[in-house]
Amino acid sequence: MSRTVILTRREVFSSSHRLYSDKLSLEENKKIYGKCINCHGHNYVLEVSVRGAVKEDIGMFMNITELKEILKVKVMDILDHKDLENDVPELKGIVTTTENLSIFIWDQLYPSLKEFLYEVKILETENNFVVYRGE
């Protein structure tokens, strides 16, 4: 009998960004985003969880080395030490909130992980985090 488990890989990346919407006036942006309309950075903690049935013959459903490589190519190489608005073309014109960043990361990972992808969690600070499950 196979059992389903959730496997999570944690990565840390540093990126700079500013919260600003071109659809709003400067005053509206200031009111919504406060000092975050200025360029600033975060040391984001990313936790990506995959879910699957353990294969009895190998004792796992996915090799963690495979997950690590997918995260490196699809996320870390793209976001680490980058200015999100200027260095990542896919984020051009998108307000780079942690909510939107979690959706972007999901979309980057889904083609490689498909139905195994369970959750993307990003800790922006030690007190604030976002969880996205593809909904």
N, C-alpha and C. Protein backbone atom coordinates (compact mmCIF):
# COMPACT_ATOMS: atom_id res chain seq x y z
N MET A 1 0.84 -1.18 0.00
CA MET A 1 0.00 0.00 0.00
C MET A 1 0.89 1.25 0.00
N SER A 2 0.65 2.15 -0.96
CA SER A 2 1.46 3.37 -0.99
C SER A 2 0.80 4.46 -0.14
N ARG A 3 1.62 5.29 0.42
CA ARG A 3 1.17 6.39 1.25
C ARG A 3 1.60 7.70 0.62
N THR A 4 0.78 8.72 0.76
CA THR A 4 1.07 10.02 0.19
C THR A 4 1.81 10.88 1.22
N VAL A 5 2.88 11.52 0.77
CA VAL A 5 3.66 12.41 1.64
C VAL A 5 3.83 13.76 0.95
N ILE A 6 4.18 14.74 1.74
CA ILE A 6 4.51 16.07 1.22
C ILE A 6 5.99 16.31 1.52
N LEU A 7 6.72 16.63 0.47
CA LEU A 7 8.16 16.88 0.56
C LEU A 7 8.37 18.38 0.31
N THR A 8 9.14 19.03 1.17
CA THR A 8 9.36 20.46 1.05
C THR A 8 10.85 20.76 0.95
N ARG A 9 11.18 21.63 0.00
CA ARG A 9 12.55 22.11 -0.18
C ARG A 9 12.56 23.61 0.12
N ARG A 10 13.53 24.04 0.91
CA ARG A 10 13.67 25.44 1.29
C ARG A 10 14.88 26.04 0.56
N GLU A 11 14.68 27.23 0.02
CA GLU A 11 15.75 28.00 -0.62
C GLU A 11 15.64 29.43 -0.12
N VAL A 12 16.73 30.16 -0.17
CA VAL A 12 16.75 31.58 0.21
C VAL A 12 17.30 32.36 -0.97
N PHE A 13 16.61 33.44 -1.33
CA PHE A 13 17.11 34.30 -2.39
C PHE A 13 16.92 35.76 -2.01
N SER A 14 17.80 36.59 -2.55
CA SER A 14 17.76 38.02 -2.27
C SER A 14 17.38 38.76 -3.54
N SER A 15 16.40 39.63 -3.43
CA SER A 15 15.95 40.42 -4.58
C SER A 15 15.54 41.80 -4.11
N SER A 16 15.65 42.75 -5.04
CA SER A 16 15.15 44.08 -4.75
C SER A 16 13.90 44.33 -5.59
N HIS A 17 13.07 45.24 -5.12
CA HIS A 17 11.86 45.61 -5.84
C HIS A 17 11.29 46.87 -5.23
N ARG A 18 10.24 47.35 -5.84
CA ARG A 18 9.45 48.42 -5.24
C ARG A 18 8.00 48.09 -5.51
N LEU A 19 7.13 48.51 -4.63
CA LEU A 19 5.71 48.30 -4.83
C LEU A 19 5.13 49.58 -5.42
N TYR A 20 4.71 49.46 -6.68
CA TYR A 20 4.19 50.61 -7.39
C TYR A 20 3.35 50.11 -8.55
N SER A 21 2.15 50.67 -8.68
CA SER A 21 1.26 50.30 -9.78
C SER A 21 1.14 51.46 -10.74
N ASP A 22 1.44 51.19 -12.01
CA ASP A 22 1.28 52.21 -13.05
C ASP A 22 -0.19 52.57 -13.27
N LYS A 23 -1.09 51.78 -12.75
CA LYS A 23 -2.53 52.03 -12.90
C LYS A 23 -3.05 53.03 -11.87
N LEU A 24 -2.19 53.41 -10.93
CA LEU A 24 -2.59 54.33 -9.86
C LEU A 24 -1.76 55.60 -9.92
N SER A 25 -2.26 56.65 -9.32
CA SER A 25 -1.50 57.89 -9.22
C SER A 25 -0.40 57.72 -8.16
N LEU A 26 0.53 58.66 -8.16
CA LEU A 26 1.59 58.64 -7.15
C LEU A 26 0.99 58.69 -5.75
N GLU A 27 -0.01 59.52 -5.56
CA GLU A 27 -0.64 59.64 -4.24
C GLU A 27 -1.33 58.35 -3.82
N GLU A 28 -2.03 57.70 -4.77
CA GLU A 28 -2.67 56.42 -4.45
C GLU A 28 -1.63 55.36 -4.11
N ASN A 29 -0.53 55.33 -4.86
CA ASN A 29 0.55 54.39 -4.57
C ASN A 29 1.12 54.62 -3.17
N LYS A 30 1.35 55.89 -2.83
CA LYS A 30 1.88 56.22 -1.51
C LYS A 30 0.93 55.76 -0.41
N LYS A 31 -0.37 55.98 -0.65
CA LYS A 31 -1.38 55.61 0.35
C LYS A 31 -1.43 54.09 0.56
N ILE A 32 -1.35 53.34 -0.52
CA ILE A 32 -1.45 51.87 -0.43
C ILE A 32 -0.14 51.22 0.03
N TYR A 33 0.99 51.64 -0.58
CA TYR A 33 2.25 50.93 -0.37
C TYR A 33 3.20 51.63 0.60
N GLY A 34 2.90 52.88 0.98
CA GLY A 34 3.75 53.59 1.93
C GLY A 34 5.19 53.68 1.45
N LYS A 35 6.12 53.46 2.38
CA LYS A 35 7.54 53.59 2.05
C LYS A 35 8.02 52.51 1.08
N CYS A 36 7.21 51.50 0.86
CA CYS A 36 7.61 50.43 -0.05
C CYS A 36 7.52 50.83 -1.52
N ILE A 37 7.09 52.08 -1.81
CA ILE A 37 7.16 52.55 -3.20
C ILE A 37 8.61 52.82 -3.59
N ASN A 38 9.49 52.91 -2.60
CA ASN A 38 10.92 53.08 -2.85
C ASN A 38 11.58 51.72 -3.04
N CYS A 39 12.63 51.69 -3.83
CA CYS A 39 13.34 50.44 -4.06
C CYS A 39 13.93 49.94 -2.73
N HIS A 40 13.72 48.68 -2.46
CA HIS A 40 14.24 48.04 -1.25
C HIS A 40 14.41 46.55 -1.53
N GLY A 41 15.01 45.84 -0.61
CA GLY A 41 15.27 44.42 -0.85
C GLY A 41 14.81 43.54 0.28
N HIS A 42 14.75 42.25 -0.06
CA HIS A 42 14.37 41.23 0.92
C HIS A 42 15.27 40.02 0.75
N ASN A 43 15.48 39.32 1.83
CA ASN A 43 16.04 37.98 1.79
C ASN A 43 14.85 37.04 1.94
N TYR A 44 14.30 36.65 0.80
CA TYR A 44 13.11 35.82 0.78
C TYR A 44 13.47 34.38 1.14
N VAL A 45 12.60 33.75 1.90
CA VAL A 45 12.72 32.32 2.16
C VAL A 45 11.60 31.65 1.38
N LEU A 46 11.99 30.76 0.48
CA LEU A 46 11.04 30.06 -0.37
C LEU A 46 10.94 28.61 0.07
N GLU A 47 9.72 28.15 0.27
CA GLU A 47 9.48 26.73 0.57
C GLU A 47 8.53 26.19 -0.49
N VAL A 48 9.03 25.22 -1.24
CA VAL A 48 8.22 24.59 -2.28
C VAL A 48 7.92 23.17 -1.84
N SER A 49 6.63 22.85 -1.82
CA SER A 49 6.20 21.52 -1.39
C SER A 49 5.61 20.76 -2.57
N VAL A 50 6.02 19.51 -2.67
CA VAL A 50 5.47 18.60 -3.68
C VAL A 50 4.82 17.44 -2.94
N ARG A 51 3.83 16.83 -3.59
CA ARG A 51 3.03 15.80 -2.94
C ARG A 51 2.94 14.59 -3.86
N GLY A 52 3.14 13.41 -3.29
CA GLY A 52 3.02 12.20 -4.10
C GLY A 52 3.05 10.94 -3.25
N ALA A 53 2.75 9.85 -3.91
CA ALA A 53 2.72 8.55 -3.25
C ALA A 53 4.13 7.95 -3.24
N VAL A 54 4.55 7.49 -2.08
CA VAL A 54 5.86 6.88 -1.93
C VAL A 54 5.90 5.56 -2.71
N LYS A 55 6.91 5.42 -3.56
CA LYS A 55 7.11 4.18 -4.31
C LYS A 55 7.83 3.19 -3.42
N GLU A 56 7.22 2.03 -3.23
CA GLU A 56 7.77 1.05 -2.29
C GLU A 56 9.18 0.61 -2.65
N ASP A 57 9.48 0.51 -3.94
CA ASP A 57 10.79 0.00 -4.35
C ASP A 57 11.94 0.96 -4.07
N ILE A 58 11.67 2.28 -4.05
CA ILE A 58 12.75 3.24 -3.81
C ILE A 58 12.56 4.07 -2.54
N GLY A 59 11.41 3.97 -1.90
CA GLY A 59 11.17 4.64 -0.63
C GLY A 59 10.92 6.13 -0.72
N MET A 60 10.65 6.63 -1.93
CA MET A 60 10.34 8.05 -2.13
C MET A 60 9.49 8.18 -3.38
N PHE A 61 8.93 9.35 -3.60
CA PHE A 61 8.19 9.55 -4.85
C PHE A 61 8.95 10.48 -5.78
N MET A 62 9.86 11.29 -5.21
CA MET A 62 10.67 12.21 -6.00
C MET A 62 12.02 12.35 -5.31
N ASN A 63 13.05 12.34 -6.10
CA ASN A 63 14.38 12.54 -5.56
C ASN A 63 14.56 14.02 -5.25
N ILE A 64 14.99 14.33 -4.04
CA ILE A 64 15.15 15.71 -3.63
C ILE A 64 16.18 16.44 -4.50
N THR A 65 17.14 15.69 -5.05
CA THR A 65 18.14 16.29 -5.95
C THR A 65 17.48 16.82 -7.21
N GLU A 66 16.49 16.11 -7.71
CA GLU A 66 15.74 16.56 -8.88
C GLU A 66 14.97 17.85 -8.57
N LEU A 67 14.32 17.89 -7.41
CA LEU A 67 13.59 19.08 -7.00
C LEU A 67 14.54 20.26 -6.83
N LYS A 68 15.69 20.03 -6.23
CA LYS A 68 16.69 21.08 -6.03
C LYS A 68 17.13 21.67 -7.37
N GLU A 69 17.37 20.84 -8.36
CA GLU A 69 17.81 21.31 -9.67
C GLU A 69 16.71 22.11 -10.38
N ILE A 70 15.47 21.64 -10.27
CA ILE A 70 14.34 22.37 -10.88
C ILE A 70 14.23 23.76 -10.24
N LEU A 71 14.34 23.84 -8.93
CA LEU A 71 14.26 25.13 -8.25
C LEU A 71 15.41 26.04 -8.66
N LYS A 72 16.59 25.49 -8.83
CA LYS A 72 17.74 26.29 -9.25
C LYS A 72 17.48 26.93 -10.61
N VAL A 73 17.07 26.12 -11.57
CA VAL A 73 16.90 26.60 -12.95
C VAL A 73 15.67 27.48 -13.10
N LYS A 74 14.56 27.09 -12.51
CA LYS A 74 13.29 27.78 -12.73
C LYS A 74 13.03 28.97 -11.80
N VAL A 75 13.77 29.03 -10.68
CA VAL A 75 13.51 30.11 -9.72
C VAL A 75 14.79 30.85 -9.33
N MET A 76 15.74 30.13 -8.74
CA MET A 76 16.91 30.78 -8.18
C MET A 76 17.73 31.54 -9.22
N ASP A 77 17.99 30.92 -10.36
CA ASP A 77 18.78 31.58 -11.40
C ASP A 77 18.07 32.83 -11.94
N ILE A 78 16.75 32.85 -11.85
CA ILE A 78 15.97 33.97 -12.38
C ILE A 78 15.81 35.10 -11.36
N LEU A 79 15.65 34.76 -10.07
CA LEU A 79 15.29 35.77 -9.07
C LEU A 79 16.41 36.18 -8.12
N ASP A 80 17.37 35.32 -7.88
CA ASP A 80 18.38 35.61 -6.85
C ASP A 80 19.31 36.75 -7.28
N HIS A 81 19.45 37.74 -6.41
CA HIS A 81 20.26 38.93 -6.64
C HIS A 81 19.83 39.69 -7.89
N LYS A 82 18.53 39.83 -8.04
CA LYS A 82 17.97 40.55 -9.18
C LYS A 82 17.05 41.66 -8.70
N ASP A 83 16.91 42.66 -9.54
CA ASP A 83 15.90 43.70 -9.36
C ASP A 83 14.66 43.16 -10.08
N LEU A 84 13.63 42.83 -9.35
CA LEU A 84 12.49 42.12 -9.92
C LEU A 84 11.82 42.86 -11.06
N GLU A 85 11.69 44.18 -10.95
CA GLU A 85 11.02 44.93 -12.02
C GLU A 85 11.89 45.10 -13.27
N ASN A 86 13.19 45.19 -13.10
CA ASN A 86 14.06 45.52 -14.22
C ASN A 86 14.85 44.35 -14.78
N ASP A 87 15.09 43.32 -13.98
CA ASP A 87 15.92 42.19 -14.43
C ASP A 87 15.12 40.95 -14.81
N VAL A 88 13.84 40.95 -14.51
CA VAL A 88 13.00 39.77 -14.78
C VAL A 88 11.89 40.20 -15.75
N PRO A 89 12.08 39.97 -17.05
CA PRO A 89 11.11 40.45 -18.05
C PRO A 89 9.68 39.99 -17.79
N GLU A 90 9.50 38.79 -17.26
CA GLU A 90 8.16 38.25 -17.01
C GLU A 90 7.40 39.04 -15.94
N LEU A 91 8.13 39.80 -15.12
CA LEU A 91 7.49 40.57 -14.04
C LEU A 91 7.30 42.03 -14.42
N LYS A 92 7.70 42.40 -15.61
CA LYS A 92 7.54 43.78 -16.07
C LYS A 92 6.05 44.14 -16.07
N GLY A 93 5.71 45.26 -15.44
CA GLY A 93 4.33 45.71 -15.41
C GLY A 93 3.46 45.06 -14.34
N ILE A 94 4.04 44.16 -13.55
CA ILE A 94 3.31 43.48 -12.48
C ILE A 94 3.78 44.06 -11.15
N VAL A 95 2.86 44.38 -10.26
CA VAL A 95 3.25 44.84 -8.92
C VAL A 95 3.86 43.64 -8.20
N THR A 96 5.12 43.76 -7.82
CA THR A 96 5.85 42.60 -7.29
C THR A 96 5.62 42.39 -5.79
N THR A 97 4.35 42.28 -5.44
CA THR A 97 3.99 41.88 -4.08
C THR A 97 4.41 40.43 -3.88
N THR A 98 4.49 40.02 -2.65
CA THR A 98 4.81 38.62 -2.38
C THR A 98 3.72 37.71 -2.91
N GLU A 99 2.48 38.20 -2.92
CA GLU A 99 1.37 37.41 -3.50
C GLU A 99 1.64 37.14 -4.98
N ASN A 100 1.97 38.19 -5.74
CA ASN A 100 2.24 38.00 -7.17
C ASN A 100 3.51 37.19 -7.41
N LEU A 101 4.49 37.36 -6.54
CA LEU A 101 5.72 36.57 -6.66
C LEU A 101 5.45 35.09 -6.45
N SER A 102 4.58 34.75 -5.51
CA SER A 102 4.26 33.34 -5.27
C SER A 102 3.56 32.73 -6.48
N ILE A 103 2.68 33.49 -7.13
CA ILE A 103 2.00 33.01 -8.33
C ILE A 103 3.00 32.85 -9.48
N PHE A 104 3.91 33.81 -9.62
CA PHE A 104 4.95 33.71 -10.65
C PHE A 104 5.79 32.45 -10.46
N ILE A 105 6.20 32.18 -9.22
CA ILE A 105 7.02 30.99 -8.95
C ILE A 105 6.23 29.73 -9.24
N TRP A 106 4.97 29.68 -8.86
CA TRP A 106 4.13 28.53 -9.19
C TRP A 106 4.12 28.29 -10.70
N ASP A 107 3.89 29.36 -11.44
CA ASP A 107 3.83 29.25 -12.90
C ASP A 107 5.16 28.81 -13.50
N GLN A 108 6.25 29.19 -12.88
CA GLN A 108 7.57 28.75 -13.33
C GLN A 108 7.78 27.26 -13.09
N LEU A 109 7.27 26.77 -11.96
CA LEU A 109 7.52 25.39 -11.55
C LEU A 109 6.53 24.38 -12.14
N TYR A 110 5.31 24.81 -12.37
CA TYR A 110 4.26 23.87 -12.77
C TYR A 110 4.61 23.03 -14.00
N PRO A 111 5.17 23.59 -15.06
CA PRO A 111 5.48 22.75 -16.23
C PRO A 111 6.43 21.59 -15.92
N SER A 112 7.31 21.77 -14.93
CA SER A 112 8.25 20.71 -14.57
C SER A 112 7.71 19.75 -13.53
N LEU A 113 6.86 20.24 -12.63
CA LEU A 113 6.39 19.41 -11.51
C LEU A 113 4.95 18.93 -11.66
N LYS A 114 4.18 19.60 -12.49
CA LYS A 114 2.78 19.29 -12.77
C LYS A 114 1.99 18.96 -11.51
N GLU A 115 1.31 17.81 -11.52
CA GLU A 115 0.40 17.48 -10.42
C GLU A 115 1.11 17.23 -9.09
N PHE A 116 2.44 17.09 -9.11
CA PHE A 116 3.17 16.92 -7.84
C PHE A 116 3.27 18.23 -7.07
N LEU A 117 3.23 19.38 -7.76
CA LEU A 117 3.36 20.66 -7.10
C LEU A 117 2.17 20.88 -6.17
N TYR A 118 2.46 21.10 -4.91
CA TYR A 118 1.41 21.23 -3.90
C TYR A 118 1.30 22.66 -3.36
N GLU A 119 2.45 23.28 -3.07
CA GLU A 119 2.39 24.57 -2.40
C GLU A 119 3.68 25.36 -2.61
N VAL A 120 3.50 26.67 -2.79
CA VAL A 120 4.61 27.61 -2.81
C VAL A 120 4.39 28.55 -1.62
N LYS A 121 5.38 28.61 -0.76
CA LYS A 121 5.31 29.49 0.41
C LYS A 121 6.52 30.41 0.37
N ILE A 122 6.27 31.72 0.51
CA ILE A 122 7.35 32.70 0.52
C ILE A 122 7.26 33.51 1.80
N LEU A 123 8.34 33.51 2.55
CA LEU A 123 8.45 34.36 3.73
C LEU A 123 9.20 35.61 3.29
N GLU A 124 8.50 36.75 3.33
CA GLU A 124 9.10 38.03 2.95
C GLU A 124 9.91 38.59 4.11
N THR A 125 9.37 38.42 5.30
CA THR A 125 10.04 38.80 6.55
C THR A 125 9.77 37.67 7.53
N GLU A 126 10.31 37.78 8.72
CA GLU A 126 10.04 36.73 9.70
C GLU A 126 8.59 36.73 10.17
N ASN A 127 7.87 37.83 9.89
CA ASN A 127 6.48 37.94 10.32
C ASN A 127 5.45 37.81 9.20
N ASN A 128 5.88 37.97 7.95
CA ASN A 128 4.94 37.98 6.82
C ASN A 128 5.28 36.91 5.81
N PHE A 129 4.27 36.12 5.44
CA PHE A 129 4.48 35.12 4.40
C PHE A 129 3.20 34.91 3.61
N VAL A 130 3.37 34.35 2.42
CA VAL A 130 2.26 34.06 1.53
C VAL A 130 2.33 32.60 1.13
N VAL A 131 1.18 31.96 1.05
CA VAL A 131 1.07 30.57 0.59
C VAL A 131 0.19 30.56 -0.64
N TYR A 132 0.65 29.89 -1.69
CA TYR A 132 -0.15 29.74 -2.92
C TYR A 132 -0.20 28.27 -3.30
N ARG A 133 -1.40 27.79 -3.62
CA ARG A 133 -1.60 26.38 -3.97
C ARG A 133 -2.24 26.21 -5.34
N GLY A 134 -2.04 27.17 -6.22
CA GLY A 134 -2.49 27.03 -7.59
C GLY A 134 -3.95 27.31 -7.84
N GLU A 135 -4.61 27.90 -6.89
CA GLU A 135 -6.05 28.16 -7.03
C GLU A 135 -6.32 29.55 -7.55
